[in-house]
Amino acid sequence: MTPKKKVLLVEDHAVTRVGVKHVVNASNDFEVVGEAEHSSQIAGLLLETKPDFVLLDLRIPGENVLNMVKDWKKDLPQLKVVTLTMLDEQPIVHSAIEAGVDGYLLKSDDLSSLTKNLNEIASGKTVYSKNLKLSFNRKPQDGKVANKKEKQILTLLGHGKTYQEIGTEIGLSKRTVEYHVGRLKDRFNAKTVAELIGRAKEQMLI
């Protein structure tokens, strides 16, 4: 008999964890071998359980998990990372795709299709929820997806860096950083840097 593929379930709501775990464990192909409800628990469980899949809610306490996904994909290239989330906003979905997720599923999807989707992902396909309204040929219409340089600036702003410090770190003049921040404020409809940082976090850009 082929061994079941191991799944690490990252979800902070206990009721959801129980339901998802039941569906996964009832299948012939997968089993939940670890559960995390805070981002700080994930690294240890990856080492301990050596999963084939991480089934990931994006909004859990702790660090922005999309930043963690990028590291996992570098260090554990065989690991399949699949979101299972309520977040269907295009900027967040695109950020997840850029981070390297292998599938983007929604909690509003029929849970009975979960293991079918996981099997497709295991075969090498990338699977997106049918309930997502995505355009992969152009940027989302709201224009809030930041480019690489803008994401660097947003991240450093979130770390409390000054415009001068940001410029020194990424090789721009203070005036150029101010220009980029001004454009980002306009795009995110933010009056202050604090508002800008807050909205960037909402979109999981930082």
N, C-alpha and C. Protein backbone atom coordinates (compact mmCIF):
# COMPACT_ATOMS: atom_id res chain seq x y z
N MET A 1 0.85 -1.20 0.00
CA MET A 1 0.00 0.00 0.00
C MET A 1 0.88 1.25 0.00
N THR A 2 0.53 2.21 -0.84
CA THR A 2 1.30 3.46 -0.92
C THR A 2 1.10 4.27 0.36
N PRO A 3 2.19 4.73 0.97
CA PRO A 3 2.03 5.54 2.19
C PRO A 3 1.24 6.81 1.91
N LYS A 4 0.47 7.22 2.90
CA LYS A 4 -0.28 8.46 2.76
C LYS A 4 0.67 9.65 2.76
N LYS A 5 0.33 10.65 2.00
CA LYS A 5 1.11 11.89 2.01
C LYS A 5 0.80 12.66 3.28
N LYS A 6 1.84 13.23 3.86
CA LYS A 6 1.72 13.88 5.16
C LYS A 6 1.37 15.36 5.00
N VAL A 7 0.42 15.81 5.80
CA VAL A 7 -0.09 17.18 5.72
C VAL A 7 0.11 17.89 7.05
N LEU A 8 0.73 19.06 7.00
CA LEU A 8 0.80 19.94 8.16
C LEU A 8 -0.31 20.96 8.01
N LEU A 9 -1.21 21.02 8.98
CA LEU A 9 -2.38 21.89 8.93
C LEU A 9 -2.12 23.14 9.77
N VAL A 10 -2.14 24.30 9.12
CA VAL A 10 -1.89 25.58 9.80
C VAL A 10 -3.19 26.37 9.79
N GLU A 11 -3.84 26.43 10.95
CA GLU A 11 -5.17 27.04 11.07
C GLU A 11 -5.40 27.40 12.53
N ASP A 12 -5.82 28.65 12.79
CA ASP A 12 -5.96 29.06 14.19
C ASP A 12 -7.36 28.86 14.75
N HIS A 13 -8.33 28.49 13.93
CA HIS A 13 -9.68 28.24 14.43
C HIS A 13 -9.86 26.73 14.66
N ALA A 14 -10.11 26.37 15.91
CA ALA A 14 -10.16 24.96 16.28
C ALA A 14 -11.25 24.20 15.53
N VAL A 15 -12.43 24.80 15.37
CA VAL A 15 -13.54 24.11 14.70
C VAL A 15 -13.17 23.80 13.25
N THR A 16 -12.56 24.78 12.58
CA THR A 16 -12.13 24.56 11.20
C THR A 16 -11.07 23.47 11.13
N ARG A 17 -10.12 23.49 12.06
CA ARG A 17 -9.07 22.46 12.08
C ARG A 17 -9.68 21.06 12.18
N VAL A 18 -10.65 20.93 13.07
CA VAL A 18 -11.28 19.62 13.27
C VAL A 18 -11.95 19.15 11.98
N GLY A 19 -12.69 20.05 11.33
CA GLY A 19 -13.40 19.68 10.10
C GLY A 19 -12.46 19.31 8.97
N VAL A 20 -11.42 20.12 8.78
CA VAL A 20 -10.47 19.86 7.70
C VAL A 20 -9.69 18.57 7.99
N LYS A 21 -9.28 18.40 9.22
CA LYS A 21 -8.54 17.19 9.60
C LYS A 21 -9.38 15.94 9.34
N HIS A 22 -10.65 16.02 9.65
CA HIS A 22 -11.54 14.86 9.44
C HIS A 22 -11.59 14.49 7.96
N VAL A 23 -11.75 15.49 7.10
CA VAL A 23 -11.83 15.24 5.66
C VAL A 23 -10.51 14.66 5.14
N VAL A 24 -9.40 15.25 5.55
CA VAL A 24 -8.09 14.79 5.08
C VAL A 24 -7.82 13.36 5.53
N ASN A 25 -8.05 13.10 6.80
CA ASN A 25 -7.74 11.77 7.35
C ASN A 25 -8.69 10.68 6.84
N ALA A 26 -9.87 11.08 6.37
CA ALA A 26 -10.82 10.11 5.84
C ALA A 26 -10.44 9.63 4.44
N SER A 27 -9.49 10.32 3.82
CA SER A 27 -9.08 9.94 2.46
C SER A 27 -8.07 8.80 2.50
N ASN A 28 -7.88 8.18 1.35
CA ASN A 28 -6.90 7.10 1.25
C ASN A 28 -5.49 7.60 0.97
N ASP A 29 -5.37 8.91 0.70
CA ASP A 29 -4.10 9.43 0.19
C ASP A 29 -3.37 10.38 1.12
N PHE A 30 -4.06 10.93 2.12
CA PHE A 30 -3.47 11.98 2.95
C PHE A 30 -3.77 11.75 4.42
N GLU A 31 -2.87 12.28 5.27
CA GLU A 31 -3.13 12.29 6.71
C GLU A 31 -2.50 13.53 7.32
N VAL A 32 -3.19 14.10 8.30
CA VAL A 32 -2.66 15.25 9.03
C VAL A 32 -1.68 14.74 10.08
N VAL A 33 -0.44 15.22 10.00
CA VAL A 33 0.60 14.76 10.93
C VAL A 33 1.01 15.84 11.92
N GLY A 34 0.47 17.04 11.75
CA GLY A 34 0.80 18.12 12.67
C GLY A 34 -0.17 19.26 12.49
N GLU A 35 -0.36 20.04 13.57
CA GLU A 35 -1.28 21.17 13.54
C GLU A 35 -0.61 22.37 14.20
N ALA A 36 -0.74 23.53 13.55
CA ALA A 36 -0.19 24.77 14.10
C ALA A 36 -1.29 25.82 14.11
N GLU A 37 -1.32 26.63 15.17
CA GLU A 37 -2.29 27.72 15.24
C GLU A 37 -1.61 29.08 15.37
N HIS A 38 -0.28 29.09 15.31
CA HIS A 38 0.50 30.33 15.36
C HIS A 38 1.72 30.14 14.46
N SER A 39 2.12 31.21 13.79
CA SER A 39 3.23 31.08 12.84
C SER A 39 4.52 30.60 13.51
N SER A 40 4.68 30.89 14.80
CA SER A 40 5.91 30.50 15.49
C SER A 40 6.04 28.99 15.66
N GLN A 41 4.94 28.26 15.49
CA GLN A 41 4.97 26.81 15.67
C GLN A 41 5.37 26.07 14.38
N ILE A 42 5.32 26.77 13.25
CA ILE A 42 5.43 26.07 11.97
C ILE A 42 6.81 25.49 11.73
N ALA A 43 7.86 26.27 11.98
CA ALA A 43 9.22 25.81 11.67
C ALA A 43 9.55 24.51 12.40
N GLY A 44 9.22 24.44 13.68
CA GLY A 44 9.49 23.24 14.44
C GLY A 44 8.72 22.04 13.92
N LEU A 45 7.47 22.26 13.53
CA LEU A 45 6.66 21.16 13.01
C LEU A 45 7.13 20.70 11.63
N LEU A 46 7.66 21.61 10.84
CA LEU A 46 8.23 21.20 9.54
C LEU A 46 9.39 20.24 9.75
N LEU A 47 10.24 20.55 10.73
CA LEU A 47 11.38 19.68 11.02
C LEU A 47 10.94 18.36 11.63
N GLU A 48 9.95 18.44 12.52
CA GLU A 48 9.52 17.26 13.26
C GLU A 48 8.72 16.28 12.40
N THR A 49 7.80 16.81 11.59
CA THR A 49 6.87 15.93 10.87
C THR A 49 7.27 15.67 9.42
N LYS A 50 8.15 16.53 8.87
CA LYS A 50 8.58 16.40 7.46
C LYS A 50 7.40 16.17 6.52
N PRO A 51 6.48 17.13 6.46
CA PRO A 51 5.27 16.93 5.66
C PRO A 51 5.53 17.04 4.16
N ASP A 52 4.60 16.48 3.39
CA ASP A 52 4.61 16.65 1.94
C ASP A 52 3.83 17.90 1.55
N PHE A 53 2.86 18.26 2.37
CA PHE A 53 2.00 19.41 2.13
C PHE A 53 1.91 20.29 3.37
N VAL A 54 1.81 21.59 3.15
CA VAL A 54 1.34 22.50 4.20
C VAL A 54 0.02 23.07 3.72
N LEU A 55 -1.02 22.87 4.51
CA LEU A 55 -2.34 23.42 4.21
C LEU A 55 -2.50 24.64 5.10
N LEU A 56 -2.56 25.81 4.49
CA LEU A 56 -2.23 27.06 5.18
C LEU A 56 -3.35 28.09 5.15
N ASP A 57 -3.81 28.50 6.33
CA ASP A 57 -4.66 29.69 6.42
C ASP A 57 -3.73 30.90 6.43
N LEU A 58 -4.04 31.92 5.65
CA LEU A 58 -3.14 33.08 5.55
C LEU A 58 -3.23 34.01 6.74
N ARG A 59 -4.36 34.04 7.40
CA ARG A 59 -4.53 34.96 8.52
C ARG A 59 -4.43 34.19 9.83
N ILE A 60 -3.22 33.93 10.26
CA ILE A 60 -3.02 33.32 11.57
C ILE A 60 -2.15 34.26 12.39
N PRO A 61 -2.20 34.15 13.71
CA PRO A 61 -1.39 35.04 14.55
C PRO A 61 0.10 34.88 14.27
N GLY A 62 0.82 35.99 14.42
CA GLY A 62 2.27 35.95 14.24
C GLY A 62 2.71 36.59 12.96
N GLU A 63 3.79 36.07 12.39
CA GLU A 63 4.42 36.63 11.20
C GLU A 63 3.55 36.46 9.96
N ASN A 64 3.73 37.35 8.99
CA ASN A 64 3.10 37.21 7.69
C ASN A 64 3.57 35.89 7.06
N VAL A 65 2.65 34.95 6.90
CA VAL A 65 3.06 33.61 6.47
C VAL A 65 3.52 33.57 5.01
N LEU A 66 3.13 34.55 4.21
CA LEU A 66 3.60 34.54 2.82
C LEU A 66 5.11 34.78 2.75
N ASN A 67 5.64 35.55 3.70
CA ASN A 67 7.09 35.70 3.77
C ASN A 67 7.76 34.37 4.11
N MET A 68 7.10 33.58 4.93
CA MET A 68 7.63 32.28 5.31
C MET A 68 7.57 31.31 4.13
N VAL A 69 6.51 31.42 3.33
CA VAL A 69 6.36 30.52 2.17
C VAL A 69 7.56 30.64 1.24
N LYS A 70 8.02 31.85 1.02
CA LYS A 70 9.17 32.07 0.13
C LYS A 70 10.39 31.30 0.63
N ASP A 71 10.60 31.31 1.95
CA ASP A 71 11.74 30.58 2.52
C ASP A 71 11.55 29.07 2.38
N TRP A 72 10.32 28.61 2.63
CA TRP A 72 10.07 27.16 2.51
C TRP A 72 10.35 26.68 1.10
N LYS A 73 9.93 27.46 0.11
CA LYS A 73 10.10 27.03 -1.28
C LYS A 73 11.58 26.99 -1.67
N LYS A 74 12.40 27.82 -1.02
CA LYS A 74 13.85 27.77 -1.27
C LYS A 74 14.48 26.57 -0.58
N ASP A 75 14.12 26.37 0.69
CA ASP A 75 14.77 25.35 1.50
C ASP A 75 14.18 23.96 1.30
N LEU A 76 12.90 23.89 0.96
CA LEU A 76 12.20 22.61 0.83
C LEU A 76 11.45 22.58 -0.51
N PRO A 77 12.17 22.49 -1.61
CA PRO A 77 11.54 22.63 -2.93
C PRO A 77 10.48 21.58 -3.24
N GLN A 78 10.53 20.44 -2.57
CA GLN A 78 9.52 19.39 -2.82
C GLN A 78 8.23 19.63 -2.03
N LEU A 79 8.26 20.55 -1.08
CA LEU A 79 7.09 20.81 -0.24
C LEU A 79 6.01 21.52 -1.05
N LYS A 80 4.79 21.01 -0.96
CA LYS A 80 3.65 21.64 -1.61
C LYS A 80 2.94 22.53 -0.58
N VAL A 81 2.76 23.78 -0.94
CA VAL A 81 2.10 24.74 -0.04
C VAL A 81 0.77 25.14 -0.66
N VAL A 82 -0.30 24.90 0.08
CA VAL A 82 -1.65 25.15 -0.43
C VAL A 82 -2.40 26.02 0.57
N THR A 83 -2.93 27.14 0.11
CA THR A 83 -3.72 27.97 1.01
C THR A 83 -5.13 27.41 1.12
N LEU A 84 -5.70 27.56 2.30
CA LEU A 84 -7.12 27.30 2.54
C LEU A 84 -7.59 28.46 3.39
N THR A 85 -8.21 29.44 2.76
CA THR A 85 -8.43 30.73 3.40
C THR A 85 -9.77 31.32 2.99
N MET A 86 -10.19 32.35 3.71
CA MET A 86 -11.38 33.10 3.33
C MET A 86 -11.03 34.29 2.44
N LEU A 87 -9.75 34.58 2.30
CA LEU A 87 -9.29 35.79 1.61
C LEU A 87 -9.28 35.57 0.10
N ASP A 88 -10.16 36.30 -0.60
CA ASP A 88 -10.23 36.12 -2.05
C ASP A 88 -9.92 37.40 -2.83
N GLU A 89 -9.38 38.42 -2.13
CA GLU A 89 -9.04 39.66 -2.81
C GLU A 89 -7.85 39.43 -3.75
N GLN A 90 -7.94 39.98 -4.96
CA GLN A 90 -6.90 39.73 -5.97
C GLN A 90 -5.49 40.09 -5.51
N PRO A 91 -5.28 41.24 -4.86
CA PRO A 91 -3.90 41.55 -4.44
C PRO A 91 -3.30 40.47 -3.53
N ILE A 92 -4.12 39.92 -2.64
CA ILE A 92 -3.62 38.89 -1.73
C ILE A 92 -3.33 37.60 -2.51
N VAL A 93 -4.23 37.25 -3.41
CA VAL A 93 -4.02 36.05 -4.22
C VAL A 93 -2.75 36.18 -5.05
N HIS A 94 -2.55 37.33 -5.66
CA HIS A 94 -1.35 37.53 -6.47
C HIS A 94 -0.09 37.50 -5.61
N SER A 95 -0.17 38.04 -4.39
CA SER A 95 0.99 37.97 -3.49
C SER A 95 1.31 36.52 -3.14
N ALA A 96 0.26 35.71 -2.95
CA ALA A 96 0.48 34.30 -2.64
C ALA A 96 1.11 33.57 -3.83
N ILE A 97 0.65 33.90 -5.02
CA ILE A 97 1.21 33.28 -6.22
C ILE A 97 2.68 33.66 -6.37
N GLU A 98 2.98 34.93 -6.13
CA GLU A 98 4.37 35.38 -6.21
C GLU A 98 5.24 34.68 -5.17
N ALA A 99 4.65 34.39 -4.00
CA ALA A 99 5.41 33.71 -2.94
C ALA A 99 5.71 32.27 -3.31
N GLY A 100 4.90 31.69 -4.21
CA GLY A 100 5.19 30.33 -4.68
C GLY A 100 4.21 29.26 -4.25
N VAL A 101 2.99 29.63 -3.83
CA VAL A 101 2.04 28.59 -3.41
C VAL A 101 1.70 27.69 -4.59
N ASP A 102 1.39 26.44 -4.27
CA ASP A 102 1.06 25.45 -5.30
C ASP A 102 -0.44 25.34 -5.53
N GLY A 103 -1.21 25.96 -4.66
CA GLY A 103 -2.66 25.96 -4.82
C GLY A 103 -3.27 27.04 -3.94
N TYR A 104 -4.39 27.60 -4.41
CA TYR A 104 -5.08 28.63 -3.63
C TYR A 104 -6.54 28.23 -3.55
N LEU A 105 -6.93 27.68 -2.41
CA LEU A 105 -8.28 27.20 -2.18
C LEU A 105 -8.97 28.08 -1.16
N LEU A 106 -10.29 28.14 -1.25
CA LEU A 106 -11.08 28.97 -0.35
C LEU A 106 -11.90 28.11 0.61
N LYS A 107 -12.12 28.64 1.80
CA LYS A 107 -12.94 27.92 2.77
C LYS A 107 -14.39 27.83 2.33
N SER A 108 -14.78 28.69 1.39
CA SER A 108 -16.14 28.64 0.85
C SER A 108 -16.31 27.53 -0.18
N ASP A 109 -15.21 26.91 -0.61
CA ASP A 109 -15.30 25.79 -1.55
C ASP A 109 -15.94 24.58 -0.87
N ASP A 110 -16.45 23.68 -1.68
CA ASP A 110 -16.99 22.43 -1.17
C ASP A 110 -15.83 21.62 -0.56
N LEU A 111 -15.90 21.38 0.74
CA LEU A 111 -14.80 20.71 1.43
C LEU A 111 -14.58 19.29 0.91
N SER A 112 -15.63 18.71 0.34
CA SER A 112 -15.49 17.35 -0.17
C SER A 112 -14.54 17.26 -1.37
N SER A 113 -14.26 18.42 -1.99
CA SER A 113 -13.34 18.43 -3.14
C SER A 113 -11.89 18.65 -2.71
N LEU A 114 -11.65 18.80 -1.41
CA LEU A 114 -10.31 19.15 -0.94
C LEU A 114 -9.27 18.12 -1.33
N THR A 115 -9.52 16.85 -1.04
CA THR A 115 -8.49 15.85 -1.31
C THR A 115 -8.31 15.63 -2.82
N LYS A 116 -9.37 15.82 -3.60
CA LYS A 116 -9.23 15.76 -5.07
C LYS A 116 -8.26 16.85 -5.53
N ASN A 117 -8.43 18.06 -4.98
CA ASN A 117 -7.53 19.16 -5.33
C ASN A 117 -6.10 18.87 -4.88
N LEU A 118 -5.95 18.29 -3.70
CA LEU A 118 -4.61 17.96 -3.21
C LEU A 118 -3.94 16.92 -4.10
N ASN A 119 -4.71 15.96 -4.58
CA ASN A 119 -4.14 14.96 -5.49
C ASN A 119 -3.69 15.59 -6.80
N GLU A 120 -4.46 16.55 -7.30
CA GLU A 120 -4.05 17.23 -8.53
C GLU A 120 -2.76 18.01 -8.31
N ILE A 121 -2.66 18.65 -7.14
CA ILE A 121 -1.44 19.40 -6.82
C ILE A 121 -0.26 18.44 -6.66
N ALA A 122 -0.50 17.29 -6.05
CA ALA A 122 0.56 16.28 -5.89
C ALA A 122 1.08 15.81 -7.24
N SER A 123 0.23 15.83 -8.26
CA SER A 123 0.64 15.38 -9.59
C SER A 123 1.40 16.45 -10.36
N GLY A 124 1.54 17.63 -9.75
CA GLY A 124 2.32 18.69 -10.39
C GLY A 124 1.51 19.86 -10.90
N LYS A 125 0.19 19.79 -10.77
CA LYS A 125 -0.65 20.89 -11.23
C LYS A 125 -0.72 21.98 -10.16
N THR A 126 -1.01 23.20 -10.61
CA THR A 126 -1.33 24.29 -9.70
C THR A 126 -2.84 24.48 -9.75
N VAL A 127 -3.48 24.47 -8.58
CA VAL A 127 -4.94 24.49 -8.53
C VAL A 127 -5.42 25.76 -7.83
N TYR A 128 -6.39 26.42 -8.46
CA TYR A 128 -7.01 27.60 -7.86
C TYR A 128 -8.50 27.33 -7.67
N SER A 129 -9.04 27.86 -6.60
CA SER A 129 -10.47 27.74 -6.36
C SER A 129 -11.26 28.25 -7.56
N LYS A 130 -12.31 27.53 -7.91
CA LYS A 130 -13.18 27.98 -9.00
C LYS A 130 -13.94 29.25 -8.63
N ASN A 131 -13.96 29.56 -7.34
CA ASN A 131 -14.67 30.76 -6.89
C ASN A 131 -13.81 32.02 -6.96
N LEU A 132 -12.55 31.87 -7.34
CA LEU A 132 -11.68 33.04 -7.49
C LEU A 132 -11.91 33.70 -8.83
N LYS A 133 -12.00 35.03 -8.81
CA LYS A 133 -12.12 35.78 -10.06
C LYS A 133 -10.76 36.42 -10.31
N LEU A 134 -9.96 35.76 -11.14
CA LEU A 134 -8.57 36.19 -11.34
C LEU A 134 -8.29 36.55 -12.79
N SER A 135 -7.40 37.50 -12.95
CA SER A 135 -6.84 37.77 -14.27
C SER A 135 -5.34 37.61 -14.14
N PHE A 136 -4.76 36.67 -14.88
CA PHE A 136 -3.32 36.44 -14.81
C PHE A 136 -2.57 37.18 -15.91
N ASN A 137 -3.31 37.83 -16.79
CA ASN A 137 -2.67 38.53 -17.91
C ASN A 137 -2.44 40.01 -17.64
N ARG A 138 -3.02 40.51 -16.57
CA ARG A 138 -2.84 41.92 -16.24
C ARG A 138 -2.93 42.08 -14.74
N LYS A 139 -2.55 43.24 -14.26
CA LYS A 139 -2.61 43.50 -12.83
C LYS A 139 -4.06 43.63 -12.39
N PRO A 140 -4.36 43.36 -11.13
CA PRO A 140 -5.71 43.56 -10.63
C PRO A 140 -6.18 44.98 -10.89
N GLN A 141 -7.47 45.15 -11.11
CA GLN A 141 -7.99 46.44 -11.50
C GLN A 141 -7.79 47.51 -10.44
N ASP A 142 -7.75 47.13 -9.19
CA ASP A 142 -7.60 48.16 -8.16
C ASP A 142 -6.18 48.73 -8.11
N GLY A 143 -5.24 48.11 -8.82
CA GLY A 143 -3.89 48.66 -8.95
C GLY A 143 -3.07 48.64 -7.68
N LYS A 144 -3.45 47.84 -6.69
CA LYS A 144 -2.77 47.91 -5.41
C LYS A 144 -1.63 46.92 -5.26
N VAL A 145 -1.35 46.14 -6.26
CA VAL A 145 -0.19 45.25 -6.16
C VAL A 145 1.08 46.07 -6.41
N ALA A 146 1.97 46.05 -5.45
CA ALA A 146 3.19 46.85 -5.54
C ALA A 146 4.27 46.06 -6.29
N ASN A 147 5.16 46.81 -6.97
CA ASN A 147 6.29 46.14 -7.61
C ASN A 147 7.37 45.83 -6.58
N LYS A 148 8.44 45.19 -7.03
CA LYS A 148 9.47 44.72 -6.09
C LYS A 148 10.08 45.86 -5.29
N LYS A 149 10.41 46.96 -5.97
CA LYS A 149 11.02 48.11 -5.28
C LYS A 149 10.06 48.70 -4.26
N GLU A 150 8.79 48.82 -4.66
CA GLU A 150 7.79 49.38 -3.74
C GLU A 150 7.58 48.48 -2.54
N LYS A 151 7.62 47.17 -2.76
CA LYS A 151 7.48 46.25 -1.63
C LYS A 151 8.65 46.40 -0.66
N GLN A 152 9.86 46.61 -1.20
CA GLN A 152 11.01 46.84 -0.34
C GLN A 152 10.79 48.09 0.52
N ILE A 153 10.32 49.15 -0.12
CA ILE A 153 10.08 50.40 0.61
C ILE A 153 9.02 50.20 1.67
N LEU A 154 7.92 49.53 1.32
CA LEU A 154 6.85 49.29 2.29
C LEU A 154 7.36 48.47 3.47
N THR A 155 8.15 47.44 3.18
CA THR A 155 8.68 46.59 4.25
C THR A 155 9.57 47.39 5.20
N LEU A 156 10.44 48.22 4.64
CA LEU A 156 11.35 49.01 5.47
C LEU A 156 10.60 50.09 6.24
N LEU A 157 9.56 50.67 5.63
CA LEU A 157 8.70 51.60 6.38
C LEU A 157 8.07 50.89 7.57
N GLY A 158 7.62 49.66 7.32
CA GLY A 158 7.02 48.88 8.40
C GLY A 158 7.98 48.56 9.52
N HIS A 159 9.29 48.56 9.21
CA HIS A 159 10.32 48.34 10.22
C HIS A 159 10.74 49.63 10.91
N GLY A 160 10.07 50.74 10.56
CA GLY A 160 10.35 52.01 11.22
C GLY A 160 11.52 52.79 10.65
N LYS A 161 11.97 52.43 9.45
CA LYS A 161 13.11 53.12 8.84
C LYS A 161 12.69 54.50 8.33
N THR A 162 13.63 55.44 8.36
CA THR A 162 13.39 56.77 7.79
C THR A 162 13.60 56.71 6.28
N TYR A 163 13.15 57.75 5.58
CA TYR A 163 13.36 57.80 4.13
C TYR A 163 14.85 57.73 3.80
N GLN A 164 15.66 58.42 4.58
CA GLN A 164 17.10 58.42 4.33
C GLN A 164 17.68 57.02 4.51
N GLU A 165 17.27 56.34 5.58
CA GLU A 165 17.77 54.99 5.84
C GLU A 165 17.32 54.01 4.75
N ILE A 166 16.08 54.18 4.30
CA ILE A 166 15.58 53.32 3.22
C ILE A 166 16.39 53.53 1.95
N GLY A 167 16.61 54.80 1.62
CA GLY A 167 17.38 55.12 0.42
C GLY A 167 18.77 54.53 0.45
N THR A 168 19.43 54.64 1.60
CA THR A 168 20.78 54.08 1.74
C THR A 168 20.77 52.57 1.56
N GLU A 169 19.74 51.92 2.10
CA GLU A 169 19.69 50.46 2.07
C GLU A 169 19.40 49.91 0.68
N ILE A 170 18.58 50.60 -0.10
CA ILE A 170 18.20 50.04 -1.40
C ILE A 170 18.76 50.83 -2.59
N GLY A 171 19.64 51.80 -2.28
CA GLY A 171 20.35 52.48 -3.35
C GLY A 171 19.56 53.56 -4.07
N LEU A 172 18.71 54.28 -3.33
CA LEU A 172 17.95 55.39 -3.89
C LEU A 172 18.22 56.65 -3.08
N SER A 173 17.97 57.79 -3.69
CA SER A 173 18.08 59.04 -2.94
C SER A 173 16.87 59.20 -2.03
N LYS A 174 17.02 60.02 -1.00
CA LYS A 174 15.91 60.29 -0.10
C LYS A 174 14.72 60.85 -0.87
N ARG A 175 14.99 61.73 -1.82
CA ARG A 175 13.92 62.35 -2.60
C ARG A 175 13.16 61.30 -3.43
N THR A 176 13.89 60.33 -3.98
CA THR A 176 13.24 59.28 -4.77
C THR A 176 12.36 58.41 -3.89
N VAL A 177 12.83 58.11 -2.68
CA VAL A 177 12.02 57.34 -1.74
C VAL A 177 10.74 58.10 -1.41
N GLU A 178 10.87 59.41 -1.16
CA GLU A 178 9.70 60.24 -0.87
C GLU A 178 8.70 60.18 -2.02
N TYR A 179 9.22 60.22 -3.24
CA TYR A 179 8.36 60.15 -4.43
C TYR A 179 7.59 58.83 -4.46
N HIS A 180 8.31 57.73 -4.23
CA HIS A 180 7.65 56.42 -4.24
C HIS A 180 6.59 56.32 -3.15
N VAL A 181 6.91 56.83 -1.97
CA VAL A 181 5.95 56.78 -0.86
C VAL A 181 4.72 57.61 -1.20
N GLY A 182 4.93 58.76 -1.81
CA GLY A 182 3.80 59.59 -2.22
C GLY A 182 2.89 58.87 -3.20
N ARG A 183 3.48 58.19 -4.16
CA ARG A 183 2.69 57.43 -5.13
C ARG A 183 1.94 56.28 -4.45
N LEU A 184 2.61 55.62 -3.52
CA LEU A 184 1.96 54.52 -2.80
C LEU A 184 0.80 55.02 -1.96
N LYS A 185 0.97 56.19 -1.32
CA LYS A 185 -0.13 56.77 -0.55
C LYS A 185 -1.34 57.02 -1.44
N ASP A 186 -1.09 57.58 -2.61
CA ASP A 186 -2.19 57.85 -3.54
C ASP A 186 -2.88 56.55 -3.96
N ARG A 187 -2.07 55.55 -4.26
CA ARG A 187 -2.63 54.29 -4.76
C ARG A 187 -3.45 53.58 -3.70
N PHE A 188 -3.00 53.67 -2.46
CA PHE A 188 -3.70 52.99 -1.37
C PHE A 188 -4.67 53.90 -0.64
N ASN A 189 -4.84 55.12 -1.16
CA ASN A 189 -5.74 56.09 -0.55
C ASN A 189 -5.42 56.29 0.94
N ALA A 190 -4.13 56.47 1.22
CA ALA A 190 -3.65 56.65 2.59
C ALA A 190 -3.13 58.07 2.77
N LYS A 191 -3.52 58.71 3.86
CA LYS A 191 -3.08 60.08 4.11
C LYS A 191 -1.75 60.13 4.85
N THR A 192 -1.45 59.10 5.61
CA THR A 192 -0.23 59.07 6.41
C THR A 192 0.55 57.79 6.12
N VAL A 193 1.81 57.78 6.53
CA VAL A 193 2.63 56.57 6.39
C VAL A 193 2.03 55.43 7.22
N ALA A 194 1.52 55.77 8.41
CA ALA A 194 0.92 54.74 9.26
C ALA A 194 -0.27 54.08 8.56
N GLU A 195 -1.10 54.89 7.90
CA GLU A 195 -2.23 54.33 7.15
C GLU A 195 -1.74 53.46 6.00
N LEU A 196 -0.70 53.93 5.33
CA LEU A 196 -0.13 53.18 4.21
C LEU A 196 0.37 51.81 4.67
N ILE A 197 1.10 51.79 5.77
CA ILE A 197 1.62 50.53 6.31
C ILE A 197 0.47 49.60 6.68
N GLY A 198 -0.56 50.17 7.33
CA GLY A 198 -1.71 49.37 7.73
C GLY A 198 -2.41 48.73 6.54
N ARG A 199 -2.56 49.50 5.46
CA ARG A 199 -3.25 48.97 4.29
C ARG A 199 -2.39 47.97 3.53
N ALA A 200 -1.09 48.20 3.54
CA ALA A 200 -0.19 47.22 2.92
C ALA A 200 -0.23 45.89 3.68
N LYS A 201 -0.34 45.96 5.00
CA LYS A 201 -0.45 44.74 5.80
C LYS A 201 -1.77 44.03 5.52
N GLU A 202 -2.85 44.81 5.36
CA GLU A 202 -4.15 44.21 5.04
C GLU A 202 -4.08 43.43 3.74
N GLN A 203 -3.30 43.95 2.78
CA GLN A 203 -3.16 43.28 1.49
C GLN A 203 -2.05 42.22 1.51
N MET A 204 -1.45 42.02 2.69
CA MET A 204 -0.38 41.04 2.88
C MET A 204 0.80 41.29 1.96
N LEU A 205 1.06 42.57 1.71
CA LEU A 205 2.23 42.95 0.93
C LEU A 205 3.47 43.03 1.80
N ILE A 206 3.27 43.20 3.10
CA ILE A 206 4.38 43.20 4.05
C ILE A 206 3.98 42.38 5.27
